[in-house]
Amino acid sequence: MEAPFKEKKLFTPGPLCCSRSVKEAMLVDVGSRDSYFISCVKEIRQRLLEIAQLSESEYTAVPLQGSGTYCVEAVLQTTSPRQGAKVLILANGAYGRRMGQMCEWAGLEMRLEEFPEEQRLDLAKVETILRSDSFSTVAVVHCETSTGIINPVEDVARLVTSLQPGAAMVVDAMSSFGAVPLEVSGSGIDYVVSSANKCLEGVPGFSFAICRTKHLLSCKGNCRVLSLDLVDQHLALDRSGQFRFTPPTHSMLAFRQALREYASSGGLAGRASRYKENRRILREGMKRLGFRELLKEEDAGYIITSFRFPEHERFDFQVFYSKLSEKGQVIYPGKVSSANCFRVGNIGHLFPKDMTTFLGCLEDVMREVGLPVPLS
């Protein structure tokens, strides 16, 4: 007989912990065309625009089934004309490079400009690139969670608006939306993509794009994949309030509850304050234990923190990961950056006491595997 599963704390970029009340909101079976569910979708779309501080007269929030990757791919497909498309991707990590893969698979002409993973995007180099070529879409990641770095996406958007006014400006704000301030309209950002199960603390099941409506409507007929066509999805939602295909009803009920809890706990300011405190406790504790951070302080955000592998013969990451998991503490099971480092998330339904517990468990694991405490 299989042993009962013991719930664990997730210190990862996703999926993330969410509140019991958010999970309980899913304990309802509702039809996708029921008026109750249609009102749920409407509320979600309105609240997302409120969080982004955008007007319904200029922007639209378009939810889409699937993980955040689905929605990023939908935006790249939708903003790329059938003829003459060229996408510029500014990447300093795995999630930027993934956008390059999306373009390759779709047969889109693409220019992937890679920057060092441990540094923010170099705006001078970005300007040079924008002056040297012409693009239909420019895409960048806000919080590159392969390291935790925060990119100056508003500054990039202003450069695009000035030098490539015909290009769509796309920001992957998967791990930052709702917790890291982002000036959308004033900087010229056309599309912001995020997911239900990140800083807004819903459950996995769908993602969403916040789109400048005028630009989105100009993209009709571009998408090469029916299920990823954001224009058609937007038009269907505006026409009837319904998804074109079976929606993730339970996930959306949970997300509506998560958005209500988000508002009642102080919105962006409240969420950012908690995550910053989580990170402060984590950083101080990890420093006390002798771990070194990957990024410079001025480049790192408060979403996720990367720590270099200890240079010690007793350190084996897989053993380290497994022993932490046995203690109910789950970090990301492997590295996605080129550097030898591991990541600890500060987001989701985590609180300062959880960070303190994590540090205690990590110290216990260090002693169990024979690492010195603190590391030399």
Protein backbone atom coordinates (compact mmCIF):
# COMPACT_ATOMS: atom_id res chain seq x y z
CA MET A 1 0.00 0.00 0.00
CA GLU A 2 1.34 3.40 -0.97
CA ALA A 3 2.34 5.61 1.95
CA PRO A 4 0.27 8.77 2.37
CA PHE A 5 1.80 11.86 0.82
CA LYS A 6 3.10 14.41 3.28
CA GLU A 7 2.64 18.00 2.17
CA LYS A 8 5.88 19.92 1.70
CA LYS A 9 6.90 23.56 1.45
CA LEU A 10 7.87 24.60 -2.07
CA PHE A 11 10.81 26.98 -2.40
CA THR A 12 10.78 26.86 -6.19
CA PRO A 13 9.94 29.13 -9.16
CA GLY A 14 6.74 27.10 -9.59
CA PRO A 15 4.52 25.36 -8.88
CA LEU A 16 4.18 27.21 -5.60
CA CYS A 17 2.41 26.87 -2.29
CA CYS A 18 -1.05 28.41 -2.08
CA SER A 19 -3.46 28.96 0.78
CA ARG A 20 -5.96 26.37 1.93
CA SER A 21 -8.83 28.72 1.09
CA VAL A 22 -7.56 28.99 -2.51
CA LYS A 23 -7.48 25.20 -2.78
CA GLU A 24 -10.91 24.89 -1.20
CA ALA A 25 -12.34 27.25 -3.83
CA MET A 26 -11.83 24.41 -6.34
CA LEU A 27 -14.27 22.11 -4.55
CA VAL A 28 -17.08 23.15 -6.88
CA ASP A 29 -18.08 21.62 -10.21
CA VAL A 30 -19.30 24.33 -12.55
CA GLY A 31 -20.17 24.36 -16.24
CA SER A 32 -18.01 26.41 -18.56
CA ARG A 33 -21.09 28.19 -19.94
CA ASP A 34 -22.79 28.68 -16.60
CA SER A 35 -23.44 32.33 -15.74
CA TYR A 36 -21.63 31.82 -12.42
CA PHE A 37 -18.44 30.80 -14.20
CA ILE A 38 -18.75 33.52 -16.84
CA SER A 39 -18.93 36.11 -14.05
CA CYS A 40 -15.82 34.51 -12.50
CA VAL A 41 -13.86 34.95 -15.75
CA LYS A 42 -15.06 38.54 -16.06
CA GLU A 43 -13.94 39.35 -12.51
CA ILE A 44 -10.52 37.79 -13.12
CA ARG A 45 -9.97 39.81 -16.31
CA GLN A 46 -10.96 43.05 -14.60
CA ARG A 47 -8.80 42.43 -11.53
CA LEU A 48 -5.73 41.65 -13.66
CA LEU A 49 -6.02 45.02 -15.39
CA GLU A 50 -6.44 46.70 -12.00
CA ILE A 51 -3.25 45.06 -10.73
CA ALA A 52 -1.41 46.28 -13.85
CA GLN A 53 -2.97 49.73 -13.35
CA LEU A 54 -4.37 49.73 -16.87
CA SER A 55 -7.63 50.94 -18.39
CA GLU A 56 -10.15 48.56 -19.97
CA SER A 57 -10.49 51.08 -22.79
CA GLU A 58 -6.88 50.48 -23.89
CA TYR A 59 -5.91 47.02 -22.62
CA THR A 60 -7.44 43.57 -22.35
CA ALA A 61 -6.56 40.59 -20.17
CA VAL A 62 -6.72 37.33 -22.11
CA PRO A 63 -6.55 34.06 -20.10
CA LEU A 64 -5.37 30.94 -21.93
CA GLN A 65 -5.32 27.28 -20.95
CA GLY A 66 -1.88 25.88 -20.15
CA SER A 67 1.30 26.94 -18.39
CA GLY A 68 3.03 30.26 -18.86
CA THR A 69 5.08 28.84 -21.71
CA TYR A 70 1.88 28.32 -23.70
CA CYS A 71 0.96 31.98 -23.37
CA VAL A 72 4.44 33.27 -24.23
CA GLU A 73 4.33 31.14 -27.36
CA ALA A 74 0.83 32.43 -28.13
CA VAL A 75 2.02 36.03 -27.94
CA LEU A 76 5.05 35.37 -30.16
CA GLN A 77 2.83 33.61 -32.70
CA THR A 78 0.08 36.21 -32.59
CA THR A 79 2.36 39.25 -32.94
CA SER A 80 4.33 37.80 -35.85
CA PRO A 81 2.86 38.55 -39.32
CA ARG A 82 2.68 35.68 -41.83
CA GLN A 83 5.02 37.67 -44.07
CA GLY A 84 8.03 39.72 -43.01
CA ALA A 85 8.11 38.80 -39.31
CA LYS A 86 11.37 39.06 -37.43
CA VAL A 87 11.56 38.57 -33.66
CA LEU A 88 14.32 40.00 -31.49
CA ILE A 89 14.86 38.10 -28.24
CA LEU A 90 17.05 39.65 -25.57
CA ALA A 91 18.14 36.77 -23.34
CA ASN A 92 20.30 36.42 -20.26
CA GLY A 93 19.03 33.07 -19.06
CA ALA A 94 17.19 29.87 -19.84
CA TYR A 95 13.73 31.41 -20.17
CA GLY A 96 14.88 33.96 -22.70
CA ARG A 97 16.54 31.20 -24.70
CA ARG A 98 13.31 29.20 -24.54
CA MET A 99 11.60 31.98 -26.50
CA GLY A 100 14.21 31.42 -29.16
CA GLN A 101 13.22 27.74 -29.29
CA MET A 102 9.58 28.74 -29.73
CA CYS A 103 10.47 30.84 -32.75
CA GLU A 104 12.60 28.08 -34.24
CA TRP A 105 9.80 25.51 -33.92
CA ALA A 106 7.31 27.94 -35.46
CA GLY A 107 9.63 28.74 -38.35
CA LEU A 108 9.79 32.41 -37.41
CA GLU A 109 12.79 34.46 -38.40
CA MET A 110 14.49 35.34 -35.15
CA ARG A 111 17.55 37.09 -33.78
CA LEU A 112 18.58 35.78 -30.38
CA GLU A 113 20.92 38.17 -28.59
CA GLU A 114 22.47 36.59 -25.52
CA PHE A 115 23.90 38.54 -22.60
CA PRO A 116 25.86 37.26 -19.56
CA GLU A 117 23.61 35.36 -17.16
CA GLU A 118 24.99 37.12 -14.11
CA GLN A 119 24.31 40.65 -15.37
CA ARG A 120 21.32 42.75 -16.33
CA LEU A 121 20.78 43.50 -19.99
CA ASP A 122 23.27 46.04 -21.33
CA LEU A 123 21.07 48.92 -22.53
CA ALA A 124 23.82 50.41 -24.67
CA LYS A 125 24.16 47.15 -26.56
CA VAL A 126 20.36 46.86 -26.83
CA GLU A 127 20.26 50.32 -28.40
CA THR A 128 22.95 49.37 -30.89
CA ILE A 129 20.98 46.25 -31.89
CA LEU A 130 17.76 48.21 -32.34
CA ARG A 131 19.54 50.74 -34.56
CA SER A 132 21.11 48.03 -36.70
CA ASP A 133 18.06 46.03 -37.78
CA SER A 134 14.27 46.03 -38.09
CA PHE A 135 11.94 43.83 -36.00
CA SER A 136 8.25 43.02 -35.80
CA THR A 137 8.47 41.89 -32.14
CA VAL A 138 10.95 42.48 -29.32
CA ALA A 139 10.74 40.07 -26.37
CA VAL A 140 12.47 40.08 -22.99
CA VAL A 141 12.12 38.40 -19.58
CA HIS A 142 11.47 40.64 -16.57
CA CYS A 143 12.62 38.29 -13.79
CA GLU A 144 14.90 35.66 -15.30
CA THR A 145 14.28 32.91 -12.77
CA SER A 146 17.18 30.76 -13.94
CA THR A 147 19.26 33.13 -11.76
CA GLY A 148 16.83 35.58 -10.15
CA ILE A 149 18.05 38.63 -12.03
CA ILE A 150 15.67 41.55 -12.70
CA ASN A 151 16.01 43.12 -16.14
CA PRO A 152 15.30 46.81 -16.87
CA VAL A 153 12.38 46.02 -19.16
CA GLU A 154 10.79 49.48 -18.98
CA ASP A 155 14.03 51.01 -20.28
CA VAL A 156 14.14 48.44 -23.07
CA ALA A 157 10.52 49.27 -23.94
CA ARG A 158 11.31 52.99 -24.16
CA LEU A 159 14.16 52.23 -26.55
CA VAL A 160 11.87 50.08 -28.68
CA THR A 161 9.19 52.79 -28.72
CA SER A 162 11.77 55.33 -29.86
CA LEU A 163 13.79 53.26 -32.34
CA GLN A 164 11.35 50.54 -33.48
CA PRO A 165 7.88 52.13 -33.10
CA GLY A 166 6.26 49.47 -35.30
CA ALA A 167 7.49 46.55 -33.20
CA ALA A 168 5.41 44.79 -30.54
CA MET A 169 7.07 45.02 -27.12
CA VAL A 170 6.60 41.74 -25.21
CA VAL A 171 7.54 41.19 -21.57
CA ASP A 172 7.60 37.75 -19.95
CA ALA A 173 6.67 38.75 -16.40
CA MET A 174 5.96 35.18 -15.36
CA SER A 175 7.62 35.30 -11.96
CA SER A 176 7.30 39.02 -11.24
CA PHE A 177 3.77 40.15 -12.10
CA GLY A 178 1.89 41.19 -9.01
CA ALA A 179 4.95 41.53 -6.76
CA VAL A 180 7.49 43.62 -8.69
CA PRO A 181 6.34 47.06 -9.92
CA LEU A 182 6.07 47.27 -13.70
CA GLU A 183 5.15 50.42 -15.62
CA VAL A 184 3.32 49.08 -18.66
CA SER A 185 1.51 51.87 -20.46
CA GLY A 186 3.98 54.67 -19.75
CA SER A 187 6.96 52.69 -21.00
CA GLY A 188 5.33 51.41 -24.18
CA ILE A 189 4.95 47.73 -23.27
CA ASP A 190 2.31 46.09 -25.49
CA TYR A 191 2.11 42.60 -23.96
CA VAL A 192 2.74 41.26 -20.45
CA VAL A 193 2.58 37.50 -19.88
CA SER A 194 2.24 35.74 -16.53
CA SER A 195 0.72 32.70 -14.87
CA ALA A 196 -1.89 31.96 -12.22
CA ASN A 197 0.53 30.04 -10.00
CA LYS A 198 3.25 32.61 -9.38
CA CYS A 199 3.15 35.80 -7.31
CA LEU A 200 -0.66 35.90 -7.40
CA GLU A 201 -0.64 32.51 -5.63
CA GLY A 202 -3.33 30.63 -7.54
CA VAL A 203 -3.03 27.01 -8.65
CA PRO A 204 -1.51 25.83 -11.96
CA GLY A 205 -3.78 25.42 -14.97
CA PHE A 206 -3.76 28.61 -17.00
CA SER A 207 -1.77 31.68 -17.91
CA PHE A 208 -2.72 35.08 -19.23
CA ALA A 209 -1.57 37.91 -21.48
CA ILE A 210 -2.33 41.54 -20.79
CA CYS A 211 -2.46 43.12 -24.24
CA ARG A 212 -2.74 46.58 -25.73
CA THR A 213 -6.10 46.01 -27.43
CA LYS A 214 -5.47 48.12 -30.52
CA HIS A 215 -2.25 46.27 -31.26
CA LEU A 216 -3.80 42.87 -30.52
CA LEU A 217 -6.64 43.46 -32.98
CA SER A 218 -4.12 44.47 -35.65
CA CYS A 219 -2.68 40.93 -35.37
CA LYS A 220 -5.78 39.10 -36.57
CA GLY A 221 -4.84 36.24 -38.90
CA ASN A 222 -1.20 36.08 -37.81
CA CYS A 223 -1.26 33.04 -35.54
CA ARG A 224 -0.30 29.75 -37.16
CA VAL A 225 -1.89 27.62 -34.41
CA LEU A 226 -5.62 27.68 -33.69
CA SER A 227 -5.43 27.04 -29.94
CA LEU A 228 -2.80 29.77 -29.41
CA ASP A 229 -4.58 32.54 -31.31
CA LEU A 230 -4.91 35.33 -28.76
CA VAL A 231 -6.97 37.53 -31.07
CA ASP A 232 -9.66 34.87 -31.44
CA GLN A 233 -9.50 34.13 -27.70
CA HIS A 234 -9.99 37.83 -26.91
CA LEU A 235 -12.88 38.20 -29.35
CA ALA A 236 -14.65 35.13 -27.99
CA LEU A 237 -14.29 36.32 -24.40
CA ASP A 238 -15.56 39.79 -25.26
CA ARG A 239 -18.43 38.42 -27.31
CA SER A 240 -19.80 35.78 -24.94
CA GLY A 241 -17.57 35.74 -21.85
CA GLN A 242 -16.61 32.18 -22.75
CA PHE A 243 -13.40 30.40 -23.72
CA ARG A 244 -13.27 28.96 -27.23
CA PHE A 245 -12.34 25.54 -25.84
CA THR A 246 -12.84 23.81 -22.48
CA PRO A 247 -11.54 26.19 -19.80
CA PRO A 248 -9.71 25.18 -16.58
CA THR A 249 -12.80 25.83 -14.46
CA HIS A 250 -11.42 24.68 -11.11
CA SER A 251 -8.15 26.58 -11.55
CA MET A 252 -10.03 29.75 -12.38
CA LEU A 253 -12.29 29.47 -9.35
CA ALA A 254 -9.17 29.11 -7.23
CA PHE A 255 -7.56 32.08 -8.96
CA ARG A 256 -10.53 34.33 -8.29
CA GLN A 257 -10.16 33.50 -4.59
CA ALA A 258 -6.40 34.11 -4.81
CA LEU A 259 -7.00 37.55 -6.35
CA ARG A 260 -9.44 38.46 -3.59
CA GLU A 261 -6.88 37.42 -0.97
CA TYR A 262 -4.22 39.37 -2.85
CA ALA A 263 -6.33 42.53 -2.63
CA SER A 264 -7.22 42.04 1.04
CA SER A 265 -3.54 41.53 1.99
CA GLY A 266 -2.36 44.83 0.51
CA GLY A 267 -2.07 44.15 -3.21
CA LEU A 268 1.33 44.58 -4.83
CA ALA A 269 2.80 46.51 -1.91
CA GLY A 270 1.71 43.86 0.57
CA ARG A 271 2.93 40.98 -1.56
CA ALA A 272 6.28 42.66 -2.25
CA SER A 273 6.79 43.43 1.44
CA ARG A 274 6.32 39.79 2.45
CA TYR A 275 8.58 38.47 -0.29
CA LYS A 276 11.29 41.00 0.56
CA GLU A 277 11.20 39.93 4.19
CA ASN A 278 11.37 36.27 3.14
CA ARG A 279 14.45 37.03 1.09
CA ARG A 280 16.10 39.07 3.83
CA ILE A 281 15.82 36.17 6.27
CA LEU A 282 17.04 33.71 3.64
CA ARG A 283 20.05 35.81 2.61
CA GLU A 284 21.19 36.49 6.16
CA GLY A 285 20.80 32.85 7.13
CA MET A 286 22.59 31.53 4.07
CA LYS A 287 25.43 33.98 4.59
CA ARG A 288 25.74 32.80 8.19
CA LEU A 289 26.00 29.22 6.91
CA GLY A 290 28.74 30.22 4.47
CA PHE A 291 26.87 30.13 1.14
CA ARG A 292 27.71 32.67 -1.56
CA GLU A 293 25.13 34.28 -3.80
CA LEU A 294 25.50 34.12 -7.57
CA LEU A 295 24.38 37.66 -8.35
CA LYS A 296 25.49 41.09 -7.23
CA GLU A 297 23.01 42.67 -4.85
CA GLU A 298 22.09 45.46 -7.27
CA ASP A 299 21.12 42.96 -9.99
CA ALA A 300 19.15 40.49 -7.87
CA GLY A 301 15.43 40.67 -7.22
CA TYR A 302 13.41 39.30 -4.33
CA ILE A 303 11.64 36.54 -6.27
CA ILE A 304 14.25 33.80 -6.21
CA THR A 305 17.84 33.67 -5.01
CA SER A 306 20.69 31.65 -6.53
CA PHE A 307 23.53 30.28 -4.40
CA ARG A 308 26.79 28.85 -5.68
CA PHE A 309 27.53 25.17 -5.04
CA PRO A 310 29.90 24.74 -2.08
CA GLU A 311 33.41 23.86 -3.23
CA HIS A 312 33.67 20.85 -0.96
CA GLU A 313 34.16 17.16 -1.71
CA ARG A 314 31.22 16.23 0.54
CA PHE A 315 28.73 18.31 -1.44
CA ASP A 316 26.54 16.36 -3.87
CA PHE A 317 23.55 18.37 -5.06
CA GLN A 318 21.25 15.40 -5.63
CA VAL A 319 21.89 14.11 -2.11
CA PHE A 320 21.49 17.65 -0.78
CA TYR A 321 18.18 18.08 -2.62
CA SER A 322 16.81 14.68 -1.56
CA LYS A 323 17.61 15.15 2.12
CA LEU A 324 15.95 18.57 2.13
CA SER A 325 12.89 17.07 0.44
CA GLU A 326 12.72 14.34 3.09
CA LYS A 327 12.47 17.14 5.64
CA GLY A 328 9.58 18.71 3.73
CA GLN A 329 11.64 21.46 2.09
CA VAL A 330 11.62 21.42 -1.73
CA ILE A 331 14.00 23.54 -3.79
CA TYR A 332 14.34 23.41 -7.57
CA PRO A 333 15.80 19.97 -8.46
CA GLY A 334 18.68 21.06 -10.62
CA LYS A 335 20.28 24.04 -12.29
CA VAL A 336 19.25 25.76 -15.52
CA SER A 337 21.96 28.40 -15.62
CA SER A 338 25.49 27.71 -16.84
CA ALA A 339 26.86 28.41 -13.35
CA ASN A 340 27.04 25.70 -10.71
CA CYS A 341 24.32 27.01 -8.43
CA PHE A 342 20.98 26.11 -6.86
CA ARG A 343 17.91 28.30 -6.41
CA VAL A 344 15.67 29.01 -3.45
CA GLY A 345 12.34 30.72 -4.08
CA ASN A 346 10.92 33.41 -1.82
CA ILE A 347 7.45 33.54 -3.38
CA GLY A 348 4.16 31.68 -3.10
CA HIS A 349 2.28 31.20 0.17
CA LEU A 350 5.50 31.37 2.21
CA PHE A 351 6.11 33.49 5.27
CA PRO A 352 9.15 34.49 7.37
CA LYS A 353 8.64 31.53 9.71
CA ASP A 354 8.88 29.20 6.70
CA MET A 355 12.23 30.71 5.72
CA THR A 356 13.52 30.22 9.27
CA THR A 357 12.38 26.59 9.25
CA PHE A 358 14.04 26.06 5.87
CA LEU A 359 17.36 27.39 7.15
CA GLY A 360 17.22 25.10 10.16
CA CYS A 361 16.56 22.07 7.96
CA LEU A 362 19.33 23.06 5.57
CA GLU A 363 21.82 23.33 8.44
CA ASP A 364 20.78 19.87 9.64
CA VAL A 365 21.38 18.48 6.15
CA MET A 366 24.81 20.10 6.01
CA ARG A 367 25.80 18.32 9.20
CA GLU A 368 24.29 15.03 8.03
CA VAL A 369 26.35 14.99 4.81
CA GLY A 370 29.55 16.09 6.55
CA LEU A 371 29.76 19.71 5.37
CA PRO A 372 31.39 22.18 7.77
CA VAL A 373 29.04 24.69 9.41
CA PRO A 374 29.67 27.36 8.40
CA LEU A 375 31.28 26.58 5.07
CA SER A 376 34.82 27.79 4.82
